[in-house]
Amino acid sequence: MVEVPDEVDKNDLAFPHSRIVNMIRSETDDGQYVRSSVYHGLNLLLGRIAEDIIDSLVDTENAYIEKSDLDRAARKYENIEEVLKEKERVVKKLRALEEDVNKLSRDIENAGLE
């Protein structure tokens, strides 16, 4: 959950506030309104993600930080969709197994083999 303080100093935000506002507004429909806490929250969230990537990025023994370092540092954010798909697949498989177990349990009860 993104914690947004009641008062946000725009100078404390990681990215230019106007850029975040423009990015969101370019995707909203006419008549759709966005609260300022959403703009600030997204900016704070992106700032934390950037800090995390930067911390991983600079964790290298090399004199130069290369594109491969960026790829390594950003991997967990790049692969999130794949992880969510895999989670969904596992949940479906577990539900199917649960149904099989329940069916077997009913079959055993019906057969009087308890």
PDB file of N, CA and C in Angstrom:
ATOM      1  N   MET A   1       0.841  -1.173   0.000  1.00  0.00           N
ATOM      2  CA  MET A   1       0.000   0.000   0.000  1.00  0.00           C
ATOM      3  C   MET A   1       0.890   1.240   0.000  1.00  0.00           C
ATOM      4  N   VAL A   2       0.522   2.189  -0.802  1.00  0.00           N
ATOM      5  CA  VAL A   2       1.306   3.417  -0.910  1.00  0.00           C
ATOM      6  C   VAL A   2       0.831   4.394   0.167  1.00  0.00           C
ATOM      7  N   GLU A   3       1.743   4.755   1.043  1.00  0.00           N
ATOM      8  CA  GLU A   3       1.430   5.728   2.090  1.00  0.00           C
ATOM      9  C   GLU A   3       1.698   7.132   1.553  1.00  0.00           C
ATOM     10  N   VAL A   4       0.657   7.956   1.565  1.00  0.00           N
ATOM     11  CA  VAL A   4       0.796   9.330   1.087  1.00  0.00           C
ATOM     12  C   VAL A   4       0.516  10.260   2.261  1.00  0.00           C
ATOM     13  N   PRO A   5       1.515  11.036   2.675  1.00  0.00           N
ATOM     14  CA  PRO A   5       1.273  11.977   3.774  1.00  0.00           C
ATOM     15  C   PRO A   5       0.248  13.038   3.374  1.00  0.00           C
ATOM     16  N   ASP A   6      -0.390  13.626   4.371  1.00  0.00           N
ATOM     17  CA  ASP A   6      -1.393  14.669   4.102  1.00  0.00           C
ATOM     18  C   ASP A   6      -0.782  15.851   3.363  1.00  0.00           C
ATOM     19  N   GLU A   7       0.407  16.212   3.746  1.00  0.00           N
ATOM     20  CA  GLU A   7       1.109  17.320   3.096  1.00  0.00           C
ATOM     21  C   GLU A   7       2.327  16.775   2.367  1.00  0.00           C
ATOM     22  N   VAL A   8       2.400  16.999   1.077  1.00  0.00           N
ATOM     23  CA  VAL A   8       3.537  16.533   0.283  1.00  0.00           C
ATOM     24  C   VAL A   8       4.220  17.751  -0.324  1.00  0.00           C
ATOM     25  N   ASP A   9       5.510  17.882  -0.028  1.00  0.00           N
ATOM     26  CA  ASP A   9       6.304  18.948  -0.619  1.00  0.00           C
ATOM     27  C   ASP A   9       6.774  18.448  -1.980  1.00  0.00           C
ATOM     28  N   LYS A  10       6.411  19.134  -3.035  1.00  0.00           N
ATOM     29  CA  LYS A  10       6.750  18.685  -4.385  1.00  0.00           C
ATOM     30  C   LYS A  10       8.258  18.589  -4.598  1.00  0.00           C
ATOM     31  N   ASN A  11       9.028  19.311  -3.797  1.00  0.00           N
ATOM     32  CA  ASN A  11      10.486  19.224  -3.897  1.00  0.00           C
ATOM     33  C   ASN A  11      11.018  17.890  -3.371  1.00  0.00           C
ATOM     34  N   ASP A  12      10.207  17.196  -2.554  1.00  0.00           N
ATOM     35  CA  ASP A  12      10.620  15.907  -2.002  1.00  0.00           C
ATOM     36  C   ASP A  12      10.270  14.745  -2.932  1.00  0.00           C
ATOM     37  N   LEU A  13       9.550  15.017  -4.010  1.00  0.00           N
ATOM     38  CA  LEU A  13       9.155  13.962  -4.937  1.00  0.00           C
ATOM     39  C   LEU A  13      10.310  13.605  -5.863  1.00  0.00           C
ATOM     40  N   ALA A  14      10.354  12.360  -6.275  1.00  0.00           N
ATOM     41  CA  ALA A  14      11.464  11.871  -7.097  1.00  0.00           C
ATOM     42  C   ALA A  14      11.430  12.410  -8.520  1.00  0.00           C
ATOM     43  N   PHE A  15      10.234  12.627  -9.029  1.00  0.00           N
ATOM     44  CA  PHE A  15      10.080  13.034 -10.423  1.00  0.00           C
ATOM     45  C   PHE A  15       9.280  14.319 -10.513  1.00  0.00           C
ATOM     46  N   PRO A  16       9.431  15.060 -11.598  1.00  0.00           N
ATOM     47  CA  PRO A  16       8.657  16.301 -11.742  1.00  0.00           C
ATOM     48  C   PRO A  16       7.156  16.004 -11.649  1.00  0.00           C
ATOM     49  N   HIS A  17       6.504  16.715 -10.774  1.00  0.00           N
ATOM     50  CA  HIS A  17       5.081  16.498 -10.521  1.00  0.00           C
ATOM     51  C   HIS A  17       4.262  16.639 -11.800  1.00  0.00           C
ATOM     52  N   SER A  18       4.596  17.636 -12.608  1.00  0.00           N
ATOM     53  CA  SER A  18       3.826  17.878 -13.833  1.00  0.00           C
ATOM     54  C   SER A  18       3.916  16.700 -14.798  1.00  0.00           C
ATOM     55  N   ARG A  19       5.053  16.030 -14.826  1.00  0.00           N
ATOM     56  CA  ARG A  19       5.205  14.872 -15.724  1.00  0.00           C
ATOM     57  C   ARG A  19       4.283  13.737 -15.302  1.00  0.00           C
ATOM     58  N   ILE A  20       4.198  13.472 -14.013  1.00  0.00           N
ATOM     59  CA  ILE A  20       3.309  12.419 -13.494  1.00  0.00           C
ATOM     60  C   ILE A  20       1.852  12.785 -13.795  1.00  0.00           C
ATOM     61  N   VAL A  21       1.501  14.037 -13.543  1.00  0.00           N
ATOM     62  CA  VAL A  21       0.132  14.502 -13.806  1.00  0.00           C
ATOM     63  C   VAL A  21      -0.206  14.317 -15.283  1.00  0.00           C
ATOM     64  N   ASN A  22       0.683  14.746 -16.156  1.00  0.00           N
ATOM     65  CA  ASN A  22       0.434  14.624 -17.597  1.00  0.00           C
ATOM     66  C   ASN A  22       0.317  13.177 -18.039  1.00  0.00           C
ATOM     67  N   MET A  23       1.141  12.302 -17.481  1.00  0.00           N
ATOM     68  CA  MET A  23       1.077  10.885 -17.845  1.00  0.00           C
ATOM     69  C   MET A  23      -0.279  10.287 -17.455  1.00  0.00           C
ATOM     70  N   ILE A  24      -0.750  10.608 -16.267  1.00  0.00           N
ATOM     71  CA  ILE A  24      -2.044  10.075 -15.822  1.00  0.00           C
ATOM     72  C   ILE A  24      -3.178  10.694 -16.626  1.00  0.00           C
ATOM     73  N   ARG A  25      -3.141  12.003 -16.796  1.00  0.00           N
ATOM     74  CA  ARG A  25      -4.224  12.675 -17.529  1.00  0.00           C
ATOM     75  C   ARG A  25      -4.331  12.216 -18.973  1.00  0.00           C
ATOM     76  N   SER A  26      -3.210  11.829 -19.565  1.00  0.00           N
ATOM     77  CA  SER A  26      -3.256  11.367 -20.952  1.00  0.00           C
ATOM     78  C   SER A  26      -4.009  10.046 -21.084  1.00  0.00           C
ATOM     79  N   GLU A  27      -4.187   9.338 -19.976  1.00  0.00           N
ATOM     80  CA  GLU A  27      -4.869   8.042 -20.003  1.00  0.00           C
ATOM     81  C   GLU A  27      -6.288   8.078 -19.438  1.00  0.00           C
ATOM     82  N   THR A  28      -6.670   9.178 -18.811  1.00  0.00           N
ATOM     83  CA  THR A  28      -8.003   9.231 -18.201  1.00  0.00           C
ATOM     84  C   THR A  28      -9.047   9.640 -19.226  1.00  0.00           C
ATOM     85  N   ASP A  29     -10.287   9.229 -18.967  1.00  0.00           N
ATOM     86  CA  ASP A  29     -11.409   9.578 -19.825  1.00  0.00           C
ATOM     87  C   ASP A  29     -11.948  10.952 -19.452  1.00  0.00           C
ATOM     88  N   ASP A  30     -12.679  11.566 -20.380  1.00  0.00           N
ATOM     89  CA  ASP A  30     -13.346  12.832 -20.073  1.00  0.00           C
ATOM     90  C   ASP A  30     -14.301  12.608 -18.911  1.00  0.00           C
ATOM     91  N   GLY A  31     -14.305  13.534 -17.994  1.00  0.00           N
ATOM     92  CA  GLY A  31     -15.179  13.429 -16.836  1.00  0.00           C
ATOM     93  C   GLY A  31     -14.610  12.576 -15.725  1.00  0.00           C
ATOM     94  N   GLN A  32     -13.432  12.038 -15.930  1.00  0.00           N
ATOM     95  CA  GLN A  32     -12.778  11.229 -14.902  1.00  0.00           C
ATOM     96  C   GLN A  32     -11.797  12.128 -14.157  1.00  0.00           C
ATOM     97  N   TYR A  33     -11.923  12.138 -12.853  1.00  0.00           N
ATOM     98  CA  TYR A  33     -11.106  13.024 -12.029  1.00  0.00           C
ATOM     99  C   TYR A  33     -10.134  12.207 -11.197  1.00  0.00           C
ATOM    100  N   VAL A  34      -8.964  12.767 -10.964  1.00  0.00           N
ATOM    101  CA  VAL A  34      -7.914  12.094 -10.208  1.00  0.00           C
ATOM    102  C   VAL A  34      -7.563  12.966  -9.008  1.00  0.00           C
ATOM    103  N   ARG A  35      -7.588  12.374  -7.842  1.00  0.00           N
ATOM    104  CA  ARG A  35      -7.234  13.111  -6.624  1.00  0.00           C
ATOM    105  C   ARG A  35      -5.723  13.343  -6.583  1.00  0.00           C
ATOM    106  N   SER A  36      -5.336  14.433  -5.957  1.00  0.00           N
ATOM    107  CA  SER A  36      -3.914  14.777  -5.894  1.00  0.00           C
ATOM    108  C   SER A  36      -3.116  13.714  -5.149  1.00  0.00           C
ATOM    109  N   SER A  37      -3.749  13.003  -4.219  1.00  0.00           N
ATOM    110  CA  SER A  37      -3.037  11.943  -3.498  1.00  0.00           C
ATOM    111  C   SER A  37      -2.598  10.825  -4.440  1.00  0.00           C
ATOM    112  N   VAL A  38      -3.317  10.635  -5.554  1.00  0.00           N
ATOM    113  CA  VAL A  38      -2.926   9.624  -6.541  1.00  0.00           C
ATOM    114  C   VAL A  38      -1.641  10.066  -7.237  1.00  0.00           C
ATOM    115  N   TYR A  39      -1.590  11.324  -7.657  1.00  0.00           N
ATOM    116  CA  TYR A  39      -0.379  11.844  -8.307  1.00  0.00           C
ATOM    117  C   TYR A  39       0.820  11.730  -7.368  1.00  0.00           C
ATOM    118  N   HIS A  40       0.631  12.172  -6.140  1.00  0.00           N
ATOM    119  CA  HIS A  40       1.719  12.141  -5.170  1.00  0.00           C
ATOM    120  C   HIS A  40       2.101  10.699  -4.838  1.00  0.00           C
ATOM    121  N   GLY A  41       1.105   9.845  -4.658  1.00  0.00           N
ATOM    122  CA  GLY A  41       1.370   8.443  -4.330  1.00  0.00           C
ATOM    123  C   GLY A  41       2.143   7.731  -5.426  1.00  0.00           C
ATOM    124  N   LEU A  42       1.750   7.961  -6.676  1.00  0.00           N
ATOM    125  CA  LEU A  42       2.467   7.339  -7.791  1.00  0.00           C
ATOM    126  C   LEU A  42       3.902   7.842  -7.839  1.00  0.00           C
ATOM    127  N   ASN A  43       4.083   9.117  -7.625  1.00  0.00           N
ATOM    128  CA  ASN A  43       5.427   9.692  -7.640  1.00  0.00           C
ATOM    129  C   ASN A  43       6.278   9.085  -6.521  1.00  0.00           C
ATOM    130  N   LEU A  44       5.712   8.959  -5.335  1.00  0.00           N
ATOM    131  CA  LEU A  44       6.442   8.361  -4.213  1.00  0.00           C
ATOM    132  C   LEU A  44       6.774   6.896  -4.497  1.00  0.00           C
ATOM    133  N   LEU A  45       5.810   6.160  -5.044  1.00  0.00           N
ATOM    134  CA  LEU A  45       6.025   4.757  -5.372  1.00  0.00           C
ATOM    135  C   LEU A  45       7.131   4.601  -6.416  1.00  0.00           C
ATOM    136  N   LEU A  46       7.061   5.385  -7.485  1.00  0.00           N
ATOM    137  CA  LEU A  46       8.088   5.322  -8.521  1.00  0.00           C
ATOM    138  C   LEU A  46       9.455   5.706  -7.958  1.00  0.00           C
ATOM    139  N   GLY A  47       9.458   6.646  -7.038  1.00  0.00           N
ATOM    140  CA  GLY A  47      10.710   7.040  -6.393  1.00  0.00           C
ATOM    141  C   GLY A  47      11.315   5.892  -5.596  1.00  0.00           C
ATOM    142  N   ARG A  48      10.472   5.147  -4.859  1.00  0.00           N
ATOM    143  CA  ARG A  48      10.970   4.004  -4.088  1.00  0.00           C
ATOM    144  C   ARG A  48      11.490   2.906  -5.018  1.00  0.00           C
ATOM    145  N   ILE A  49      10.767   2.680  -6.124  1.00  0.00           N
ATOM    146  CA  ILE A  49      11.218   1.680  -7.094  1.00  0.00           C
ATOM    147  C   ILE A  49      12.564   2.101  -7.686  1.00  0.00           C
ATOM    148  N   ALA A  50      12.684   3.368  -8.049  1.00  0.00           N
ATOM    149  CA  ALA A  50      13.943   3.871  -8.611  1.00  0.00           C
ATOM    150  C   ALA A  50      15.081   3.722  -7.601  1.00  0.00           C
ATOM    151  N   GLU A  51      14.820   4.037  -6.329  1.00  0.00           N
ATOM    152  CA  GLU A  51      15.849   3.899  -5.298  1.00  0.00           C
ATOM    153  C   GLU A  51      16.290   2.449  -5.150  1.00  0.00           C
ATOM    154  N   ASP A  52      15.329   1.531  -5.184  1.00  0.00           N
ATOM    155  CA  ASP A  52      15.643   0.112  -5.066  1.00  0.00           C
ATOM    156  C   ASP A  52      16.508  -0.351  -6.245  1.00  0.00           C
ATOM    157  N   ILE A  53      16.129   0.072  -7.443  1.00  0.00           N
ATOM    158  CA  ILE A  53      16.906  -0.299  -8.627  1.00  0.00           C
ATOM    159  C   ILE A  53      18.303   0.312  -8.559  1.00  0.00           C
ATOM    160  N   ILE A  54      18.392   1.561  -8.138  1.00  0.00           N
ATOM    161  CA  ILE A  54      19.698   2.233  -8.043  1.00  0.00           C
ATOM    162  C   ILE A  54      20.583   1.542  -7.014  1.00  0.00           C
ATOM    163  N   ASP A  55      20.004   1.166  -5.858  1.00  0.00           N
ATOM    164  CA  ASP A  55      20.786   0.453  -4.844  1.00  0.00           C
ATOM    165  C   ASP A  55      21.372  -0.840  -5.402  1.00  0.00           C
ATOM    166  N   SER A  56      20.563  -1.581  -6.164  1.00  0.00           N
ATOM    167  CA  SER A  56      21.048  -2.819  -6.781  1.00  0.00           C
ATOM    168  C   SER A  56      22.033  -2.521  -7.907  1.00  0.00           C
ATOM    169  N   LEU A  57      21.777  -1.465  -8.629  1.00  0.00           N
ATOM    170  CA  LEU A  57      22.600  -1.090  -9.778  1.00  0.00           C
ATOM    171  C   LEU A  57      24.042  -0.795  -9.363  1.00  0.00           C
ATOM    172  N   VAL A  58      24.206  -0.074  -8.297  1.00  0.00           N
ATOM    173  CA  VAL A  58      25.550   0.330  -7.879  1.00  0.00           C
ATOM    174  C   VAL A  58      26.258  -0.748  -7.073  1.00  0.00           C
ATOM    175  N   ASP A  59      25.565  -1.852  -6.803  1.00  0.00           N
ATOM    176  CA  ASP A  59      26.162  -2.965  -6.072  1.00  0.00           C
ATOM    177  C   ASP A  59      26.955  -3.833  -7.051  1.00  0.00           C
ATOM    178  N   THR A  60      28.080  -3.309  -7.480  1.00  0.00           N
ATOM    179  CA  THR A  60      28.946  -4.003  -8.437  1.00  0.00           C
ATOM    180  C   THR A  60      30.394  -3.718  -8.096  1.00  0.00           C
ATOM    181  N   GLU A  61      31.250  -4.653  -8.417  1.00  0.00           N
ATOM    182  CA  GLU A  61      32.689  -4.491  -8.200  1.00  0.00           C
ATOM    183  C   GLU A  61      33.348  -3.762  -9.369  1.00  0.00           C
ATOM    184  N   ASN A  62      32.619  -3.646 -10.482  1.00  0.00           N
ATOM    185  CA  ASN A  62      33.184  -3.079 -11.699  1.00  0.00           C
ATOM    186  C   ASN A  62      33.349  -1.568 -11.595  1.00  0.00           C
ATOM    187  N   ALA A  63      34.296  -1.042 -12.342  1.00  0.00           N
ATOM    188  CA  ALA A  63      34.532   0.400 -12.372  1.00  0.00           C
ATOM    189  C   ALA A  63      33.422   1.116 -13.136  1.00  0.00           C
ATOM    190  N   TYR A  64      32.851   0.425 -14.123  1.00  0.00           N
ATOM    191  CA  TYR A  64      31.779   0.997 -14.929  1.00  0.00           C
ATOM    192  C   TYR A  64      30.480   0.253 -14.650  1.00  0.00           C
ATOM    193  N   ILE A  65      29.422   1.012 -14.546  1.00  0.00           N
ATOM    194  CA  ILE A  65      28.094   0.399 -14.435  1.00  0.00           C
ATOM    195  C   ILE A  65      27.565   0.253 -15.850  1.00  0.00           C
ATOM    196  N   GLU A  66      27.266  -0.979 -16.214  1.00  0.00           N
ATOM    197  CA  GLU A  66      26.869  -1.317 -17.572  1.00  0.00           C
ATOM    198  C   GLU A  66      25.368  -1.550 -17.676  1.00  0.00           C
ATOM    199  N   LYS A  67      24.890  -1.655 -18.910  1.00  0.00           N
ATOM    200  CA  LYS A  67      23.485  -1.961 -19.173  1.00  0.00           C
ATOM    201  C   LYS A  67      23.104  -3.287 -18.530  1.00  0.00           C
ATOM    202  N   SER A  68      24.016  -4.242 -18.511  1.00  0.00           N
ATOM    203  CA  SER A  68      23.733  -5.542 -17.892  1.00  0.00           C
ATOM    204  C   SER A  68      23.463  -5.387 -16.392  1.00  0.00           C
ATOM    205  N   ASP A  69      24.114  -4.407 -15.759  1.00  0.00           N
ATOM    206  CA  ASP A  69      23.850  -4.127 -14.349  1.00  0.00           C
ATOM    207  C   ASP A  69      22.430  -3.591 -14.164  1.00  0.00           C
ATOM    208  N   LEU A  70      22.018  -2.735 -15.080  1.00  0.00           N
ATOM    209  CA  LEU A  70      20.644  -2.222 -15.035  1.00  0.00           C
ATOM    210  C   LEU A  70      19.646  -3.357 -15.238  1.00  0.00           C
ATOM    211  N   ASP A  71      19.927  -4.227 -16.194  1.00  0.00           N
ATOM    212  CA  ASP A  71      19.040  -5.369 -16.442  1.00  0.00           C
ATOM    213  C   ASP A  71      18.908  -6.232 -15.192  1.00  0.00           C
ATOM    214  N   ARG A  72      20.024  -6.492 -14.525  1.00  0.00           N
ATOM    215  CA  ARG A  72      20.020  -7.294 -13.298  1.00  0.00           C
ATOM    216  C   ARG A  72      19.221  -6.595 -12.203  1.00  0.00           C
ATOM    217  N   ALA A  73      19.439  -5.311 -12.049  1.00  0.00           N
ATOM    218  CA  ALA A  73      18.790  -4.551 -10.976  1.00  0.00           C
ATOM    219  C   ALA A  73      17.282  -4.427 -11.192  1.00  0.00           C
ATOM    220  N   ALA A  74      16.858  -4.341 -12.443  1.00  0.00           N
ATOM    221  CA  ALA A  74      15.437  -4.132 -12.754  1.00  0.00           C
ATOM    222  C   ALA A  74      14.688  -5.430 -12.995  1.00  0.00           C
ATOM    223  N   ARG A  75      15.375  -6.560 -12.945  1.00  0.00           N
ATOM    224  CA  ARG A  75      14.774  -7.850 -13.310  1.00  0.00           C
ATOM    225  C   ARG A  75      13.479  -8.133 -12.539  1.00  0.00           C
ATOM    226  N   LYS A  76      13.462  -7.884 -11.245  1.00  0.00           N
ATOM    227  CA  LYS A  76      12.254  -8.226 -10.484  1.00  0.00           C
ATOM    228  C   LYS A  76      11.058  -7.373 -10.897  1.00  0.00           C
ATOM    229  N   TYR A  77      11.300  -6.180 -11.388  1.00  0.00           N
ATOM    230  CA  TYR A  77      10.195  -5.337 -11.854  1.00  0.00           C
ATOM    231  C   TYR A  77       9.791  -5.700 -13.276  1.00  0.00           C
ATOM    232  N   GLU A  78      10.744  -6.140 -14.079  1.00  0.00           N
ATOM    233  CA  GLU A  78      10.452  -6.534 -15.454  1.00  0.00           C
ATOM    234  C   GLU A  78       9.662  -7.837 -15.497  1.00  0.00           C
ATOM    235  N   ASN A  79       9.926  -8.734 -14.562  1.00  0.00           N
ATOM    236  CA  ASN A  79       9.325 -10.064 -14.592  1.00  0.00           C
ATOM    237  C   ASN A  79       8.034 -10.174 -13.789  1.00  0.00           C
ATOM    238  N   ILE A  80       7.515  -9.099 -13.271  1.00  0.00           N
ATOM    239  CA  ILE A  80       6.348  -9.169 -12.389  1.00  0.00           C
ATOM    240  C   ILE A  80       5.132  -9.761 -13.094  1.00  0.00           C
ATOM    241  N   GLU A  81       4.931  -9.450 -14.365  1.00  0.00           N
ATOM    242  CA  GLU A  81       3.790 -10.016 -15.088  1.00  0.00           C
ATOM    243  C   GLU A  81       3.926 -11.530 -15.206  1.00  0.00           C
ATOM    244  N   GLU A  82       5.131 -11.994 -15.462  1.00  0.00           N
ATOM    245  CA  GLU A  82       5.365 -13.437 -15.564  1.00  0.00           C
ATOM    246  C   GLU A  82       5.098 -14.110 -14.219  1.00  0.00           C
ATOM    247  N   VAL A  83       5.513 -13.488 -13.146  1.00  0.00           N
ATOM    248  CA  VAL A  83       5.294 -14.041 -11.814  1.00  0.00           C
ATOM    249  C   VAL A  83       3.803 -14.105 -11.512  1.00  0.00           C
ATOM    250  N   LEU A  84       3.069 -13.055 -11.860  1.00  0.00           N
ATOM    251  CA  LEU A  84       1.629 -13.047 -11.612  1.00  0.00           C
ATOM    252  C   LEU A  84       0.912 -14.113 -12.433  1.00  0.00           C
ATOM    253  N   LYS A  85       1.330 -14.331 -13.672  1.00  0.00           N
ATOM    254  CA  LYS A  85       0.746 -15.391 -14.504  1.00  0.00           C
ATOM    255  C   LYS A  85       1.032 -16.760 -13.894  1.00  0.00           C
ATOM    256  N   GLU A  86       2.253 -16.945 -13.432  1.00  0.00           N
ATOM    257  CA  GLU A  86       2.609 -18.225 -12.810  1.00  0.00           C
ATOM    258  C   GLU A  86       1.808 -18.436 -11.530  1.00  0.00           C
ATOM    259  N   LYS A  87       1.621 -17.394 -10.766  1.00  0.00           N
ATOM    260  CA  LYS A  87       0.818 -17.493  -9.543  1.00  0.00           C
ATOM    261  C   LYS A  87      -0.602 -17.914  -9.891  1.00  0.00           C
ATOM    262  N   GLU A  88      -1.179 -17.298 -10.917  1.00  0.00           N
ATOM    263  CA  GLU A  88      -2.538 -17.646 -11.341  1.00  0.00           C
ATOM    264  C   GLU A  88      -2.614 -19.109 -11.775  1.00  0.00           C
ATOM    265  N   ARG A  89      -1.606 -19.580 -12.505  1.00  0.00           N
ATOM    266  CA  ARG A  89      -1.572 -20.966 -12.946  1.00  0.00           C
ATOM    267  C   ARG A  89      -1.506 -21.913 -11.750  1.00  0.00           C
ATOM    268  N   VAL A  90      -0.687 -21.593 -10.765  1.00  0.00           N
ATOM    269  CA  VAL A  90      -0.545 -22.429  -9.580  1.00  0.00           C
ATOM    270  C   VAL A  90      -1.846 -22.449  -8.783  1.00  0.00           C
ATOM    271  N   VAL A  91      -2.495 -21.301  -8.649  1.00  0.00           N
ATOM    272  CA  VAL A  91      -3.763 -21.236  -7.914  1.00  0.00           C
ATOM    273  C   VAL A  91      -4.813 -22.105  -8.593  1.00  0.00           C
ATOM    274  N   LYS A  92      -4.901 -22.045  -9.926  1.00  0.00           N
ATOM    275  CA  LYS A  92      -5.854 -22.887 -10.655  1.00  0.00           C
ATOM    276  C   LYS A  92      -5.556 -24.363 -10.432  1.00  0.00           C
ATOM    277  N   LYS A  93      -4.285 -24.718 -10.476  1.00  0.00           N
ATOM    278  CA  LYS A  93      -3.894 -26.114 -10.267  1.00  0.00           C
ATOM    279  C   LYS A  93      -4.252 -26.568  -8.860  1.00  0.00           C
ATOM    280  N   LEU A  94      -4.018 -25.720  -7.873  1.00  0.00           N
ATOM    281  CA  LEU A  94      -4.359 -26.068  -6.486  1.00  0.00           C
ATOM    282  C   LEU A  94      -5.867 -26.218  -6.302  1.00  0.00           C
ATOM    283  N   ARG A  95      -6.642 -25.369  -6.957  1.00  0.00           N
ATOM    284  CA  ARG A  95      -8.101 -25.497  -6.871  1.00  0.00           C
ATOM    285  C   ARG A  95      -8.570 -26.808  -7.492  1.00  0.00           C
ATOM    286  N   ALA A  96      -7.965 -27.177  -8.621  1.00  0.00           N
ATOM    287  CA  ALA A  96      -8.317 -28.446  -9.261  1.00  0.00           C
ATOM    288  C   ALA A  96      -7.955 -29.619  -8.354  1.00  0.00           C
ATOM    289  N   LEU A  97      -6.786 -29.553  -7.711  1.00  0.00           N
ATOM    290  CA  LEU A  97      -6.396 -30.604  -6.773  1.00  0.00           C
ATOM    291  C   LEU A  97      -7.351 -30.668  -5.584  1.00  0.00           C
ATOM    292  N   GLU A  98      -7.769 -29.509  -5.101  1.00  0.00           N
ATOM    293  CA  GLU A  98      -8.718 -29.461  -3.985  1.00  0.00           C
ATOM    294  C   GLU A  98     -10.035 -30.132  -4.380  1.00  0.00           C
ATOM    295  N   GLU A  99     -10.507 -29.856  -5.588  1.00  0.00           N
ATOM    296  CA  GLU A  99     -11.733 -30.492  -6.074  1.00  0.00           C
ATOM    297  C   GLU A  99     -11.563 -32.002  -6.169  1.00  0.00           C
ATOM    298  N   ASP A 100     -10.393 -32.457  -6.639  1.00  0.00           N
ATOM    299  CA  ASP A 100     -10.127 -33.893  -6.717  1.00  0.00           C
ATOM    300  C   ASP A 100     -10.139 -34.528  -5.335  1.00  0.00           C
ATOM    301  N   VAL A 101      -9.505 -33.884  -4.371  1.00  0.00           N
ATOM    302  CA  VAL A 101      -9.469 -34.404  -3.002  1.00  0.00           C
ATOM    303  C   VAL A 101     -10.884 -34.465  -2.430  1.00  0.00           C
ATOM    304  N   ASN A 102     -11.661 -33.402  -2.653  1.00  0.00           N
ATOM    305  CA  ASN A 102     -13.037 -33.397  -2.151  1.00  0.00           C
ATOM    306  C   ASN A 102     -13.859 -34.513  -2.787  1.00  0.00           C
ATOM    307  N   LYS A 103     -13.673 -34.734  -4.082  1.00  0.00           N
ATOM    308  CA  LYS A 103     -14.410 -35.798  -4.775  1.00  0.00           C
ATOM    309  C   LYS A 103     -14.012 -37.159  -4.229  1.00  0.00           C
ATOM    310  N   LEU A 104     -12.718 -37.378  -4.058  1.00  0.00           N
ATOM    311  CA  LEU A 104     -12.260 -38.645  -3.492  1.00  0.00           C
ATOM    312  C   LEU A 104     -12.805 -38.855  -2.083  1.00  0.00           C
ATOM    313  N   SER A 105     -12.836 -37.807  -1.315  1.00  0.00           N
ATOM    314  CA  SER A 105     -13.375 -37.880   0.043  1.00  0.00           C
ATOM    315  C   SER A 105     -14.857 -38.266   0.013  1.00  0.00           C
ATOM    316  N   ARG A 106     -15.615 -37.661  -0.894  1.00  0.00           N
ATOM    317  CA  ARG A 106     -17.042 -38.018  -1.026  1.00  0.00           C
ATOM    318  C   ARG A 106     -17.198 -39.461  -1.481  1.00  0.00           C
ATOM    319  N   ASP A 107     -16.363 -39.895  -2.413  1.00  0.00           N
ATOM    320  CA  ASP A 107     -16.423 -41.275  -2.886  1.00  0.00           C
ATOM    321  C   ASP A 107     -16.157 -42.260  -1.749  1.00  0.00           C
ATOM    322  N   ILE A 108     -15.179 -41.948  -0.902  1.00  0.00           N
ATOM    323  CA  ILE A 108     -14.871 -42.810   0.229  1.00  0.00           C
ATOM    324  C   ILE A 108     -16.032 -42.835   1.213  1.00  0.00           C
ATOM    325  N   GLU A 109     -16.624 -41.669   1.476  1.00  0.00           N
ATOM    326  CA  GLU A 109     -17.782 -41.611   2.386  1.00  0.00           C
ATOM    327  C   GLU A 109     -18.949 -42.422   1.835  1.00  0.00           C
ATOM    328  N   ASN A 110     -19.205 -42.290   0.535  1.00  0.00           N
ATOM    329  CA  ASN A 110     -20.312 -43.004  -0.106  1.00  0.00           C
ATOM    330  C   ASN A 110     -20.076 -44.513  -0.126  1.00  0.00           C
ATOM    331  N   ALA A 111     -18.835 -44.928  -0.179  1.00  0.00           N
ATOM    332  CA  ALA A 111     -18.515 -46.347  -0.218  1.00  0.00           C
ATOM    333  C   ALA A 111     -18.517 -46.960   1.179  1.00  0.00           C
ATOM    334  N   GLY A 112     -18.605 -46.112   2.194  1.00  0.00           N
ATOM    335  CA  GLY A 112     -18.606 -46.591   3.583  1.00  0.00           C
ATOM    336  C   GLY A 112     -17.269 -47.134   4.025  1.00  0.00           C
ATOM    337  N   LEU A 113     -16.198 -46.608   3.502  1.00  0.00           N
ATOM    338  CA  LEU A 113     -14.863 -47.103   3.839  1.00  0.00           C
ATOM    339  C   LEU A 113     -14.153 -46.266   4.902  1.00  0.00           C
ATOM    340  N   GLU A 114     -14.901 -45.505   5.639  1.00  0.00           N
ATOM    341  CA  GLU A 114     -14.258 -44.637   6.644  1.00  0.00           C
ATOM    342  C   GLU A 114     -13.697 -45.389   7.791  1.00  0.00           C
TER     343      GLU A 114
END
